[in-house]
């Protein structure tokens, strides 16, 4: 099998493409592959495949749009993955993959599902209108979730880290109008969560539960989440809600019990306190990007260019 470019739309009654070799590019060229809606089948399937580029596909109505099993160092870029059960699914040692600039929308269960998989980067994806979860991690560590737009996960959470998902970085994401914005549950620790917007979610902006401790959350905006802007259960302690004197912006700060003392008490039965809440978030360099989401707040860079998708602006590398 060699690199190839699609030149027409395709319909499939089973899995459409099973990739059988390493090191090739499959370019959908904007064409659509359509399944028959049976959950057993995949739009594109990689099993033990490495260094594959999958780009420019429109993938519709499969069980899984793109499935990676024990497949590493691949690039999934500029695809539209919609109306499947799961949009993109990476499992069991599918490490060091780059999932970038995809539209992952209207999937019945999860937009992007990462399980038992590490060191992946999810950058610049639009993950909207997926029924249960936008992005979900299970037993997955050292992943980067950067600069994504995550909206309207109807049933559960925009971003869900569960069961020993540790040392992940979530930054510069907009997590808006989901049922819950962010949920950490099941011994999730050591995660770094900064520069995100958690706005207008139907329940909590962020919920930490089931022994999710020793996470660090700073320089985020929590605005207008319907029940709590942030919530900790009694078994989720020792989370840091500020770093180096920088806390978070809270839309309900003035009504919080900690307001008279100048700090913000996290709701629930945990021990969380933001000792350095932000009263306002400005735009120090005047580039139209608020400081908390600006990857270089000291120098004007409205394009926010990050060519290698590592969360560090090009000018600093």
C-alpha atoms as a PDB file:
ATOM      1  CA  UNK A   1       0.000   0.000   0.000  1.00  0.00           C
ATOM      2  CA  UNK A   2       1.311   3.439  -0.912  1.00  0.00           C
ATOM      3  CA  UNK A   3       0.311   7.004  -0.088  1.00  0.00           C
ATOM      4  CA  UNK A   4      -2.890   7.936  -1.854  1.00  0.00           C
ATOM      5  CA  UNK A   5      -5.378  10.750  -2.388  1.00  0.00           C
ATOM      6  CA  UNK A   6      -9.104  10.171  -2.594  1.00  0.00           C
ATOM      7  CA  UNK A   7     -10.810  11.377  -5.789  1.00  0.00           C
ATOM      8  CA  UNK A   8     -14.473  10.635  -4.991  1.00  0.00           C
ATOM      9  CA  UNK A   9     -16.928  10.051  -2.168  1.00  0.00           C
ATOM     10  CA  UNK A  10     -17.176   6.468  -0.875  1.00  0.00           C
ATOM     11  CA  UNK A  11     -19.847   4.486   0.957  1.00  0.00           C
ATOM     12  CA  UNK A  12     -18.939   1.393   2.992  1.00  0.00           C
ATOM     13  CA  UNK A  13     -20.938  -1.459   4.544  1.00  0.00           C
ATOM     14  CA  UNK A  14     -17.998  -2.348   6.852  1.00  0.00           C
ATOM     15  CA  UNK A  15     -14.734  -0.645   7.743  1.00  0.00           C
ATOM     16  CA  UNK A  16     -13.811   1.665   4.880  1.00  0.00           C
ATOM     17  CA  UNK A  17      -9.997   1.790   5.192  1.00  0.00           C
ATOM     18  CA  UNK A  18      -7.706  -0.545   7.153  1.00  0.00           C
ATOM     19  CA  UNK A  19      -4.142   0.770   6.948  1.00  0.00           C
ATOM     20  CA  UNK A  20      -1.665  -2.081   6.415  1.00  0.00           C
ATOM     21  CA  UNK A  21       1.764  -0.402   6.260  1.00  0.00           C
ATOM     22  CA  UNK A  22       3.707   2.301   8.060  1.00  0.00           C
ATOM     23  CA  UNK A  23       4.924   5.665   6.879  1.00  0.00           C
ATOM     24  CA  UNK A  24       2.281   6.711   4.345  1.00  0.00           C
ATOM     25  CA  UNK A  25      -0.160   9.601   3.866  1.00  0.00           C
ATOM     26  CA  UNK A  26      -3.862   9.111   3.202  1.00  0.00           C
ATOM     27  CA  UNK A  27      -5.398  12.348   1.911  1.00  0.00           C
ATOM     28  CA  UNK A  28      -9.170  12.546   1.719  1.00  0.00           C
ATOM     29  CA  UNK A  29      -8.973  15.723  -0.382  1.00  0.00           C
ATOM     30  CA  UNK A  30     -12.243  16.890   1.174  1.00  0.00           C
ATOM     31  CA  UNK A  31     -14.258  13.868   0.027  1.00  0.00           C
ATOM     32  CA  UNK A  32     -16.670  11.988   2.296  1.00  0.00           C
ATOM     33  CA  UNK A  33     -16.562   8.366   3.408  1.00  0.00           C
ATOM     34  CA  UNK A  34     -19.928   7.218   4.764  1.00  0.00           C
ATOM     35  CA  UNK A  35     -20.735   4.129   6.810  1.00  0.00           C
ATOM     36  CA  UNK A  36     -23.991   2.299   7.429  1.00  0.00           C
ATOM     37  CA  UNK A  37     -24.202   3.249  11.103  1.00  0.00           C
ATOM     38  CA  UNK A  38     -23.218  -0.171  12.515  1.00  0.00           C
ATOM     39  CA  UNK A  39     -21.051   0.324  15.608  1.00  0.00           C
ATOM     40  CA  UNK A  40     -18.647  -2.541  14.782  1.00  0.00           C
ATOM     41  CA  UNK A  41     -17.083  -0.710  11.855  1.00  0.00           C
ATOM     42  CA  UNK A  42     -14.570   2.095  11.446  1.00  0.00           C
ATOM     43  CA  UNK A  43     -14.073   4.791   8.894  1.00  0.00           C
ATOM     44  CA  UNK A  44     -10.276   4.421   9.087  1.00  0.00           C
ATOM     45  CA  UNK A  45      -8.554   1.759  11.217  1.00  0.00           C
ATOM     46  CA  UNK A  46      -4.916   1.591  12.301  1.00  0.00           C
ATOM     47  CA  UNK A  47      -3.743  -1.478  14.242  1.00  0.00           C
ATOM     48  CA  UNK A  48      -0.048  -1.447  15.121  1.00  0.00           C
ATOM     49  CA  UNK A  49       0.664   1.197  12.494  1.00  0.00           C
ATOM     50  CA  UNK A  50       3.121   4.081  12.903  1.00  0.00           C
ATOM     51  CA  UNK A  51       4.013   7.315  11.097  1.00  0.00           C
ATOM     52  CA  UNK A  52       0.736   7.535   9.188  1.00  0.00           C
ATOM     53  CA  UNK A  53      -0.794  10.887   8.184  1.00  0.00           C
ATOM     54  CA  UNK A  54      -4.582  10.984   7.787  1.00  0.00           C
ATOM     55  CA  UNK A  55      -5.878  14.316   6.563  1.00  0.00           C
ATOM     56  CA  UNK A  56      -8.701  16.147   4.828  1.00  0.00           C
ATOM     57  CA  UNK A  57     -11.373  13.459   5.240  1.00  0.00           C
ATOM     58  CA  UNK A  58     -15.062  13.908   5.956  1.00  0.00           C
ATOM     59  CA  UNK A  59     -15.969  10.761   7.947  1.00  0.00           C
ATOM     60  CA  UNK A  60     -19.639  10.128   8.608  1.00  0.00           C
ATOM     61  CA  UNK A  61     -21.847   7.455  10.226  1.00  0.00           C
ATOM     62  CA  UNK A  62     -19.427   4.741  11.419  1.00  0.00           C
ATOM     63  CA  UNK A  63     -19.059   3.121  14.811  1.00  0.00           C
ATOM     64  CA  UNK A  64     -15.697   4.904  15.121  1.00  0.00           C
ATOM     65  CA  UNK A  65     -14.583   7.556  12.666  1.00  0.00           C
ATOM     66  CA  UNK A  66     -10.819   7.035  13.111  1.00  0.00           C
ATOM     67  CA  UNK A  67      -9.620   4.193  15.377  1.00  0.00           C
ATOM     68  CA  UNK A  68      -5.994   3.816  16.521  1.00  0.00           C
ATOM     69  CA  UNK A  69      -5.023   0.625  18.349  1.00  0.00           C
ATOM     70  CA  UNK A  70      -1.399   0.306  19.496  1.00  0.00           C
ATOM     71  CA  UNK A  71      -0.470   2.854  16.826  1.00  0.00           C
ATOM     72  CA  UNK A  72       2.000   5.659  17.502  1.00  0.00           C
ATOM     73  CA  UNK A  73       3.625   8.732  15.930  1.00  0.00           C
ATOM     74  CA  UNK A  74       0.693   9.360  13.602  1.00  0.00           C
ATOM     75  CA  UNK A  75      -0.881  12.662  12.492  1.00  0.00           C
ATOM     76  CA  UNK A  76      -4.636  13.169  12.204  1.00  0.00           C
ATOM     77  CA  UNK A  77      -5.152  16.614  10.699  1.00  0.00           C
ATOM     78  CA  UNK A  78      -7.893  18.737   9.163  1.00  0.00           C
ATOM     79  CA  UNK A  79     -10.545  16.033   9.156  1.00  0.00           C
ATOM     80  CA  UNK A  80     -14.274  16.367   9.789  1.00  0.00           C
ATOM     81  CA  UNK A  81     -15.472  13.437  11.892  1.00  0.00           C
ATOM     82  CA  UNK A  82     -19.218  13.495  12.491  1.00  0.00           C
ATOM     83  CA  UNK A  83     -22.298  11.425  13.227  1.00  0.00           C
ATOM     84  CA  UNK A  84     -20.364   8.400  14.463  1.00  0.00           C
ATOM     85  CA  UNK A  85     -20.634   6.683  17.842  1.00  0.00           C
ATOM     86  CA  UNK A  86     -17.081   7.817  18.708  1.00  0.00           C
ATOM     87  CA  UNK A  87     -15.301  10.354  16.540  1.00  0.00           C
ATOM     88  CA  UNK A  88     -11.597   9.617  17.157  1.00  0.00           C
ATOM     89  CA  UNK A  89     -10.537   6.707  19.388  1.00  0.00           C
ATOM     90  CA  UNK A  90      -6.927   6.033  20.447  1.00  0.00           C
ATOM     91  CA  UNK A  91      -6.342   3.020  22.702  1.00  0.00           C
ATOM     92  CA  UNK A  92      -3.757   0.676  24.220  1.00  0.00           C
ATOM     93  CA  UNK A  93      -0.388   2.258  23.715  1.00  0.00           C
ATOM     94  CA  UNK A  94      -1.275   4.593  20.865  1.00  0.00           C
ATOM     95  CA  UNK A  95       1.323   7.119  21.955  1.00  0.00           C
ATOM     96  CA  UNK A  96       2.884  10.306  20.562  1.00  0.00           C
ATOM     97  CA  UNK A  97       0.104  10.996  18.098  1.00  0.00           C
ATOM     98  CA  UNK A  98      -0.782  14.521  16.923  1.00  0.00           C
ATOM     99  CA  UNK A  99      -4.522  15.185  16.587  1.00  0.00           C
ATOM    100  CA  UNK A 100      -4.761  18.677  15.150  1.00  0.00           C
ATOM    101  CA  UNK A 101      -7.313  21.029  13.581  1.00  0.00           C
ATOM    102  CA  UNK A 102     -10.090  18.474  13.239  1.00  0.00           C
ATOM    103  CA  UNK A 103     -13.820  19.143  13.450  1.00  0.00           C
ATOM    104  CA  UNK A 104     -15.219  16.387  15.665  1.00  0.00           C
ATOM    105  CA  UNK A 105     -18.922  17.014  15.938  1.00  0.00           C
ATOM    106  CA  UNK A 106     -22.306  15.395  16.529  1.00  0.00           C
ATOM    107  CA  UNK A 107     -20.998  11.991  17.597  1.00  0.00           C
ATOM    108  CA  UNK A 108     -23.353   9.861  19.670  1.00  0.00           C
ATOM    109  CA  UNK A 109     -20.990   9.048  22.555  1.00  0.00           C
ATOM    110  CA  UNK A 110     -17.571  10.756  22.641  1.00  0.00           C
ATOM    111  CA  UNK A 111     -15.822  13.190  20.334  1.00  0.00           C
ATOM    112  CA  UNK A 112     -12.196  12.198  21.096  1.00  0.00           C
ATOM    113  CA  UNK A 113     -11.622   9.152  23.335  1.00  0.00           C
ATOM    114  CA  UNK A 114      -8.112   8.454  24.680  1.00  0.00           C
ATOM    115  CA  UNK A 115      -7.619   5.220  26.695  1.00  0.00           C
ATOM    116  CA  UNK A 116      -4.443   3.633  28.128  1.00  0.00           C
ATOM    117  CA  UNK A 117      -2.477   6.000  25.905  1.00  0.00           C
ATOM    118  CA  UNK A 118       0.192   8.608  26.622  1.00  0.00           C
ATOM    119  CA  UNK A 119       2.145  11.586  25.236  1.00  0.00           C
ATOM    120  CA  UNK A 120      -0.439  12.573  22.628  1.00  0.00           C
ATOM    121  CA  UNK A 121      -1.190  16.164  21.619  1.00  0.00           C
ATOM    122  CA  UNK A 122      -4.717  17.373  20.865  1.00  0.00           C
ATOM    123  CA  UNK A 123      -4.404  20.862  19.392  1.00  0.00           C
ATOM    124  CA  UNK A 124      -6.835  23.270  17.769  1.00  0.00           C
ATOM    125  CA  UNK A 125      -9.741  20.868  17.389  1.00  0.00           C
ATOM    126  CA  UNK A 126     -13.386  21.939  17.309  1.00  0.00           C
ATOM    127  CA  UNK A 127     -15.163  19.358  19.469  1.00  0.00           C
ATOM    128  CA  UNK A 128     -18.838  20.259  19.566  1.00  0.00           C
ATOM    129  CA  UNK A 129     -22.263  18.696  20.043  1.00  0.00           C
ATOM    130  CA  UNK A 130     -21.015  15.252  21.066  1.00  0.00           C
ATOM    131  CA  UNK A 131     -23.632  13.637  23.266  1.00  0.00           C
ATOM    132  CA  UNK A 132     -21.804  12.278  26.343  1.00  0.00           C
ATOM    133  CA  UNK A 133     -18.278  13.723  26.321  1.00  0.00           C
ATOM    134  CA  UNK A 134     -16.258  16.077  24.174  1.00  0.00           C
ATOM    135  CA  UNK A 135     -12.768  14.801  25.084  1.00  0.00           C
ATOM    136  CA  UNK A 136     -12.318  11.859  27.478  1.00  0.00           C
ATOM    137  CA  UNK A 137      -9.143  10.325  28.933  1.00  0.00           C
ATOM    138  CA  UNK A 138      -9.030   6.992  30.811  1.00  0.00           C
ATOM    139  CA  UNK A 139      -5.811   5.643  32.360  1.00  0.00           C
ATOM    140  CA  UNK A 140      -3.932   8.119  30.155  1.00  0.00           C
ATOM    141  CA  UNK A 141      -1.073  10.367  31.223  1.00  0.00           C
ATOM    142  CA  UNK A 142       1.306  13.026  29.922  1.00  0.00           C
ATOM    143  CA  UNK A 143      -1.035  14.133  27.149  1.00  0.00           C
ATOM    144  CA  UNK A 144      -1.444  17.750  26.025  1.00  0.00           C
ATOM    145  CA  UNK A 145      -4.907  19.192  25.354  1.00  0.00           C
ATOM    146  CA  UNK A 146      -4.243  22.630  23.908  1.00  0.00           C
ATOM    147  CA  UNK A 147      -6.205  25.372  22.150  1.00  0.00           C
ATOM    148  CA  UNK A 148      -9.343  23.317  21.546  1.00  0.00           C
ATOM    149  CA  UNK A 149     -12.924  24.594  21.360  1.00  0.00           C
ATOM    150  CA  UNK A 150     -15.137  22.209  23.330  1.00  0.00           C
ATOM    151  CA  UNK A 151     -18.837  22.952  23.361  1.00  0.00           C
ATOM    152  CA  UNK A 152     -22.177  21.343  24.125  1.00  0.00           C
ATOM    153  CA  UNK A 153     -21.388  17.879  25.470  1.00  0.00           C
ATOM    154  CA  UNK A 154     -25.008  17.346  26.342  1.00  0.00           C
ATOM    155  CA  UNK A 155     -25.089  14.510  28.868  1.00  0.00           C
ATOM    156  CA  UNK A 156     -21.843  14.649  30.870  1.00  0.00           C
ATOM    157  CA  UNK A 157     -18.641  16.692  30.424  1.00  0.00           C
ATOM    158  CA  UNK A 158     -16.771  18.737  27.870  1.00  0.00           C
ATOM    159  CA  UNK A 159     -13.466  17.334  29.173  1.00  0.00           C
ATOM    160  CA  UNK A 160     -13.363  14.204  31.348  1.00  0.00           C
ATOM    161  CA  UNK A 161     -10.200  12.811  32.956  1.00  0.00           C
ATOM    162  CA  UNK A 162     -10.824   9.512  34.731  1.00  0.00           C
ATOM    163  CA  UNK A 163      -9.049   6.711  36.620  1.00  0.00           C
ATOM    164  CA  UNK A 164      -5.358   7.409  37.039  1.00  0.00           C
ATOM    165  CA  UNK A 165      -5.088   9.974  34.256  1.00  0.00           C
ATOM    166  CA  UNK A 166      -2.098  11.921  35.509  1.00  0.00           C
ATOM    167  CA  UNK A 167       0.340  14.655  34.540  1.00  0.00           C
ATOM    168  CA  UNK A 168      -1.726  15.859  31.617  1.00  0.00           C
ATOM    169  CA  UNK A 169      -1.684  19.509  30.504  1.00  0.00           C
ATOM    170  CA  UNK A 170      -4.898  21.341  29.633  1.00  0.00           C
ATOM    171  CA  UNK A 171      -4.339  24.878  28.450  1.00  0.00           C
ATOM    172  CA  UNK A 172      -5.872  27.618  26.282  1.00  0.00           C
ATOM    173  CA  UNK A 173      -9.079  25.648  25.722  1.00  0.00           C
ATOM    174  CA  UNK A 174     -12.561  27.159  25.577  1.00  0.00           C
ATOM    175  CA  UNK A 175     -14.947  24.831  27.401  1.00  0.00           C
ATOM    176  CA  UNK A 176     -18.388  26.302  26.916  1.00  0.00           C
ATOM    177  CA  UNK A 177     -22.042  25.312  27.321  1.00  0.00           C
ATOM    178  CA  UNK A 178     -21.492  21.679  28.244  1.00  0.00           C
ATOM    179  CA  UNK A 179     -23.346  19.866  30.994  1.00  0.00           C
ATOM    180  CA  UNK A 180     -20.161  19.910  33.113  1.00  0.00           C
ATOM    181  CA  UNK A 181     -17.157  21.797  31.831  1.00  0.00           C
ATOM    182  CA  UNK A 182     -14.249  19.767  33.241  1.00  0.00           C
ATOM    183  CA  UNK A 183     -14.445  16.691  35.450  1.00  0.00           C
ATOM    184  CA  UNK A 184     -11.570  14.821  37.101  1.00  0.00           C
ATOM    185  CA  UNK A 185     -12.632  11.574  38.776  1.00  0.00           C
ATOM    186  CA  UNK A 186     -10.773   8.528  40.052  1.00  0.00           C
ATOM    187  CA  UNK A 187      -7.276   9.249  41.356  1.00  0.00           C
ATOM    188  CA  UNK A 188      -6.450  11.835  38.714  1.00  0.00           C
ATOM    189  CA  UNK A 189      -3.432  13.763  40.007  1.00  0.00           C
ATOM    190  CA  UNK A 190      -0.586  15.961  38.890  1.00  0.00           C
ATOM    191  CA  UNK A 191      -2.551  17.546  36.061  1.00  0.00           C
ATOM    192  CA  UNK A 192      -1.770  21.149  35.042  1.00  0.00           C
ATOM    193  CA  UNK A 193      -4.833  23.175  34.048  1.00  0.00           C
ATOM    194  CA  UNK A 194      -4.248  26.789  33.063  1.00  0.00           C
ATOM    195  CA  UNK A 195      -5.327  29.487  30.643  1.00  0.00           C
ATOM    196  CA  UNK A 196      -8.732  27.952  29.952  1.00  0.00           C
ATOM    197  CA  UNK A 197     -12.229  29.396  29.774  1.00  0.00           C
ATOM    198  CA  UNK A 198     -14.959  27.469  31.604  1.00  0.00           C
ATOM    199  CA  UNK A 199     -18.064  29.427  30.698  1.00  0.00           C
ATOM    200  CA  UNK A 200     -21.797  28.835  30.855  1.00  0.00           C
ATOM    201  CA  UNK A 201     -21.729  25.122  31.615  1.00  0.00           C
ATOM    202  CA  UNK A 202     -25.025  23.737  32.905  1.00  0.00           C
ATOM    203  CA  UNK A 203     -23.644  22.309  36.146  1.00  0.00           C
ATOM    204  CA  UNK A 204     -20.051  22.929  37.240  1.00  0.00           C
ATOM    205  CA  UNK A 205     -17.191  24.680  35.509  1.00  0.00           C
ATOM    206  CA  UNK A 206     -14.755  22.174  37.051  1.00  0.00           C
ATOM    207  CA  UNK A 207     -15.455  19.219  39.353  1.00  0.00           C
ATOM    208  CA  UNK A 208     -12.743  17.231  41.142  1.00  0.00           C
ATOM    209  CA  UNK A 209     -13.937  14.007  42.749  1.00  0.00           C
ATOM    210  CA  UNK A 210     -13.038  10.429  43.774  1.00  0.00           C
ATOM    211  CA  UNK A 211      -9.546  11.077  45.148  1.00  0.00           C
ATOM    212  CA  UNK A 212      -8.464  13.531  42.461  1.00  0.00           C
ATOM    213  CA  UNK A 213      -5.780  15.426  44.354  1.00  0.00           C
ATOM    214  CA  UNK A 214      -2.555  17.364  43.816  1.00  0.00           C
ATOM    215  CA  UNK A 215      -3.691  19.006  40.602  1.00  0.00           C
ATOM    216  CA  UNK A 216      -2.816  22.623  39.799  1.00  0.00           C
ATOM    217  CA  UNK A 217      -5.368  25.034  38.333  1.00  0.00           C
ATOM    218  CA  UNK A 218      -4.418  28.662  37.702  1.00  0.00           C
ATOM    219  CA  UNK A 219      -5.045  31.566  35.355  1.00  0.00           C
ATOM    220  CA  UNK A 220      -8.392  30.141  34.209  1.00  0.00           C
ATOM    221  CA  UNK A 221     -11.687  32.007  33.841  1.00  0.00           C
ATOM    222  CA  UNK A 222     -14.755  30.514  35.533  1.00  0.00           C
ATOM    223  CA  UNK A 223     -17.788  32.474  34.395  1.00  0.00           C
ATOM    224  CA  UNK A 224     -21.480  31.859  34.808  1.00  0.00           C
ATOM    225  CA  UNK A 225     -21.480  28.104  35.357  1.00  0.00           C
ATOM    226  CA  UNK A 226     -24.986  27.326  36.555  1.00  0.00           C
ATOM    227  CA  UNK A 227     -24.439  25.362  39.788  1.00  0.00           C
ATOM    228  CA  UNK A 228     -20.818  25.871  40.860  1.00  0.00           C
ATOM    229  CA  UNK A 229     -17.897  27.501  39.135  1.00  0.00           C
ATOM    230  CA  UNK A 230     -15.731  24.831  40.786  1.00  0.00           C
ATOM    231  CA  UNK A 231     -16.448  21.938  43.144  1.00  0.00           C
ATOM    232  CA  UNK A 232     -14.343  19.489  45.160  1.00  0.00           C
ATOM    233  CA  UNK A 233     -15.523  16.385  47.001  1.00  0.00           C
ATOM    234  CA  UNK A 234     -14.207  15.592  50.476  1.00  0.00           C
ATOM    235  CA  UNK A 235     -11.732  12.987  49.172  1.00  0.00           C
ATOM    236  CA  UNK A 236     -10.157  15.324  46.609  1.00  0.00           C
ATOM    237  CA  UNK A 237      -7.728  17.478  48.562  1.00  0.00           C
ATOM    238  CA  UNK A 238      -4.398  19.235  48.174  1.00  0.00           C
ATOM    239  CA  UNK A 239      -5.297  20.722  44.813  1.00  0.00           C
ATOM    240  CA  UNK A 240      -3.548  24.005  44.087  1.00  0.00           C
ATOM    241  CA  UNK A 241      -5.872  26.739  42.840  1.00  0.00           C
ATOM    242  CA  UNK A 242      -3.067  29.244  42.239  1.00  0.00           C
ATOM    243  CA  UNK A 243       0.567  29.133  41.151  1.00  0.00           C
ATOM    244  CA  UNK A 244       3.271  31.688  41.931  1.00  0.00           C
ATOM    245  CA  UNK A 245       0.695  34.168  43.170  1.00  0.00           C
ATOM    246  CA  UNK A 246      -1.606  33.803  40.161  1.00  0.00           C
ATOM    247  CA  UNK A 247      -5.062  32.397  40.825  1.00  0.00           C
ATOM    248  CA  UNK A 248      -8.187  32.238  38.682  1.00  0.00           C
ATOM    249  CA  UNK A 249     -10.922  34.647  37.667  1.00  0.00           C
ATOM    250  CA  UNK A 250     -14.272  33.872  39.311  1.00  0.00           C
ATOM    251  CA  UNK A 251     -17.450  35.560  38.123  1.00  0.00           C
ATOM    252  CA  UNK A 252     -19.047  34.978  41.554  1.00  0.00           C
ATOM    253  CA  UNK A 253     -16.055  36.144  43.608  1.00  0.00           C
ATOM    254  CA  UNK A 254     -17.897  38.922  45.412  1.00  0.00           C
ATOM    255  CA  UNK A 255     -20.598  36.509  46.649  1.00  0.00           C
ATOM    256  CA  UNK A 256     -18.085  33.858  47.756  1.00  0.00           C
ATOM    257  CA  UNK A 257     -17.547  33.268  51.482  1.00  0.00           C
ATOM    258  CA  UNK A 258     -13.862  34.013  51.089  1.00  0.00           C
ATOM    259  CA  UNK A 259     -14.381  37.423  49.486  1.00  0.00           C
ATOM    260  CA  UNK A 260     -13.971  39.535  52.648  1.00  0.00           C
ATOM    261  CA  UNK A 261     -10.564  37.943  53.223  1.00  0.00           C
ATOM    262  CA  UNK A 262      -9.537  38.294  49.569  1.00  0.00           C
ATOM    263  CA  UNK A 263      -9.622  34.617  48.647  1.00  0.00           C
ATOM    264  CA  UNK A 264     -12.064  32.242  46.965  1.00  0.00           C
ATOM    265  CA  UNK A 265     -13.319  29.097  48.695  1.00  0.00           C
ATOM    266  CA  UNK A 266     -13.972  26.212  46.308  1.00  0.00           C
ATOM    267  CA  UNK A 267     -17.478  24.774  46.717  1.00  0.00           C
ATOM    268  CA  UNK A 268     -18.022  21.289  48.137  1.00  0.00           C
ATOM    269  CA  UNK A 269     -16.428  19.423  51.036  1.00  0.00           C
ATOM    270  CA  UNK A 270     -12.815  19.542  49.901  1.00  0.00           C
ATOM    271  CA  UNK A 271     -10.120  21.896  51.172  1.00  0.00           C
ATOM    272  CA  UNK A 272      -9.680  23.985  48.033  1.00  0.00           C
ATOM    273  CA  UNK A 273      -8.943  27.715  48.327  1.00  0.00           C
ATOM    274  CA  UNK A 274      -7.771  30.113  45.646  1.00  0.00           C
ATOM    275  CA  UNK A 275      -5.542  32.420  47.671  1.00  0.00           C
ATOM    276  CA  UNK A 276      -4.869  34.791  44.772  1.00  0.00           C
ATOM    277  CA  UNK A 277      -8.075  35.212  42.755  1.00  0.00           C
ATOM    278  CA  UNK A 278      -7.862  37.509  39.770  1.00  0.00           C
ATOM    279  CA  UNK A 279     -10.116  40.537  39.916  1.00  0.00           C
ATOM    280  CA  UNK A 280      -9.746  41.265  36.201  1.00  0.00           C
ATOM    281  CA  UNK A 281      -7.999  39.723  33.209  1.00  0.00           C
ATOM    282  CA  UNK A 282      -6.608  42.247  30.781  1.00  0.00           C
ATOM    283  CA  UNK A 283      -4.740  42.266  27.494  1.00  0.00           C
ATOM    284  CA  UNK A 284      -1.276  43.512  28.419  1.00  0.00           C
ATOM    285  CA  UNK A 285       0.188  43.481  24.918  1.00  0.00           C
ATOM    286  CA  UNK A 286      -2.930  44.814  23.178  1.00  0.00           C
ATOM    287  CA  UNK A 287      -3.117  42.026  20.604  1.00  0.00           C
ATOM    288  CA  UNK A 288      -6.788  41.197  21.199  1.00  0.00           C
ATOM    289  CA  UNK A 289      -6.056  37.987  23.128  1.00  0.00           C
ATOM    290  CA  UNK A 290      -6.755  38.129  26.866  1.00  0.00           C
ATOM    291  CA  UNK A 291      -3.676  37.501  28.991  1.00  0.00           C
ATOM    292  CA  UNK A 292      -4.854  34.193  30.466  1.00  0.00           C
ATOM    293  CA  UNK A 293      -5.211  32.650  26.992  1.00  0.00           C
ATOM    294  CA  UNK A 294      -2.252  34.477  25.420  1.00  0.00           C
ATOM    295  CA  UNK A 295       0.726  32.180  24.873  1.00  0.00           C
ATOM    296  CA  UNK A 296       2.958  35.274  24.958  1.00  0.00           C
ATOM    297  CA  UNK A 297       1.234  38.025  26.983  1.00  0.00           C
ATOM    298  CA  UNK A 298       4.288  40.291  26.976  1.00  0.00           C
ATOM    299  CA  UNK A 299       4.576  40.596  23.163  1.00  0.00           C
ATOM    300  CA  UNK A 300       1.834  41.262  20.621  1.00  0.00           C
ATOM    301  CA  UNK A 301       1.109  38.092  18.620  1.00  0.00           C
ATOM    302  CA  UNK A 302      -2.541  38.033  17.579  1.00  0.00           C
ATOM    303  CA  UNK A 303      -1.994  34.929  15.437  1.00  0.00           C
ATOM    304  CA  UNK A 304      -0.790  32.938  18.511  1.00  0.00           C
ATOM    305  CA  UNK A 305       1.440  30.940  16.154  1.00  0.00           C
ATOM    306  CA  UNK A 306       2.648  27.635  17.615  1.00  0.00           C
ATOM    307  CA  UNK A 307       3.953  25.658  14.650  1.00  0.00           C
ATOM    308  CA  UNK A 308       5.012  22.574  16.605  1.00  0.00           C
ATOM    309  CA  UNK A 309       1.847  22.452  18.756  1.00  0.00           C
ATOM    310  CA  UNK A 310       3.696  22.343  22.070  1.00  0.00           C
ATOM    311  CA  UNK A 311       1.904  25.249  23.777  1.00  0.00           C
ATOM    312  CA  UNK A 312       4.922  27.581  23.466  1.00  0.00           C
ATOM    313  CA  UNK A 313       4.734  30.482  21.024  1.00  0.00           C
ATOM    314  CA  UNK A 314       7.191  30.269  18.124  1.00  0.00           C
ATOM    315  CA  UNK A 315       8.921  33.508  19.137  1.00  0.00           C
ATOM    316  CA  UNK A 316      10.043  31.898  22.408  1.00  0.00           C
ATOM    317  CA  UNK A 317      11.595  28.822  20.788  1.00  0.00           C
END
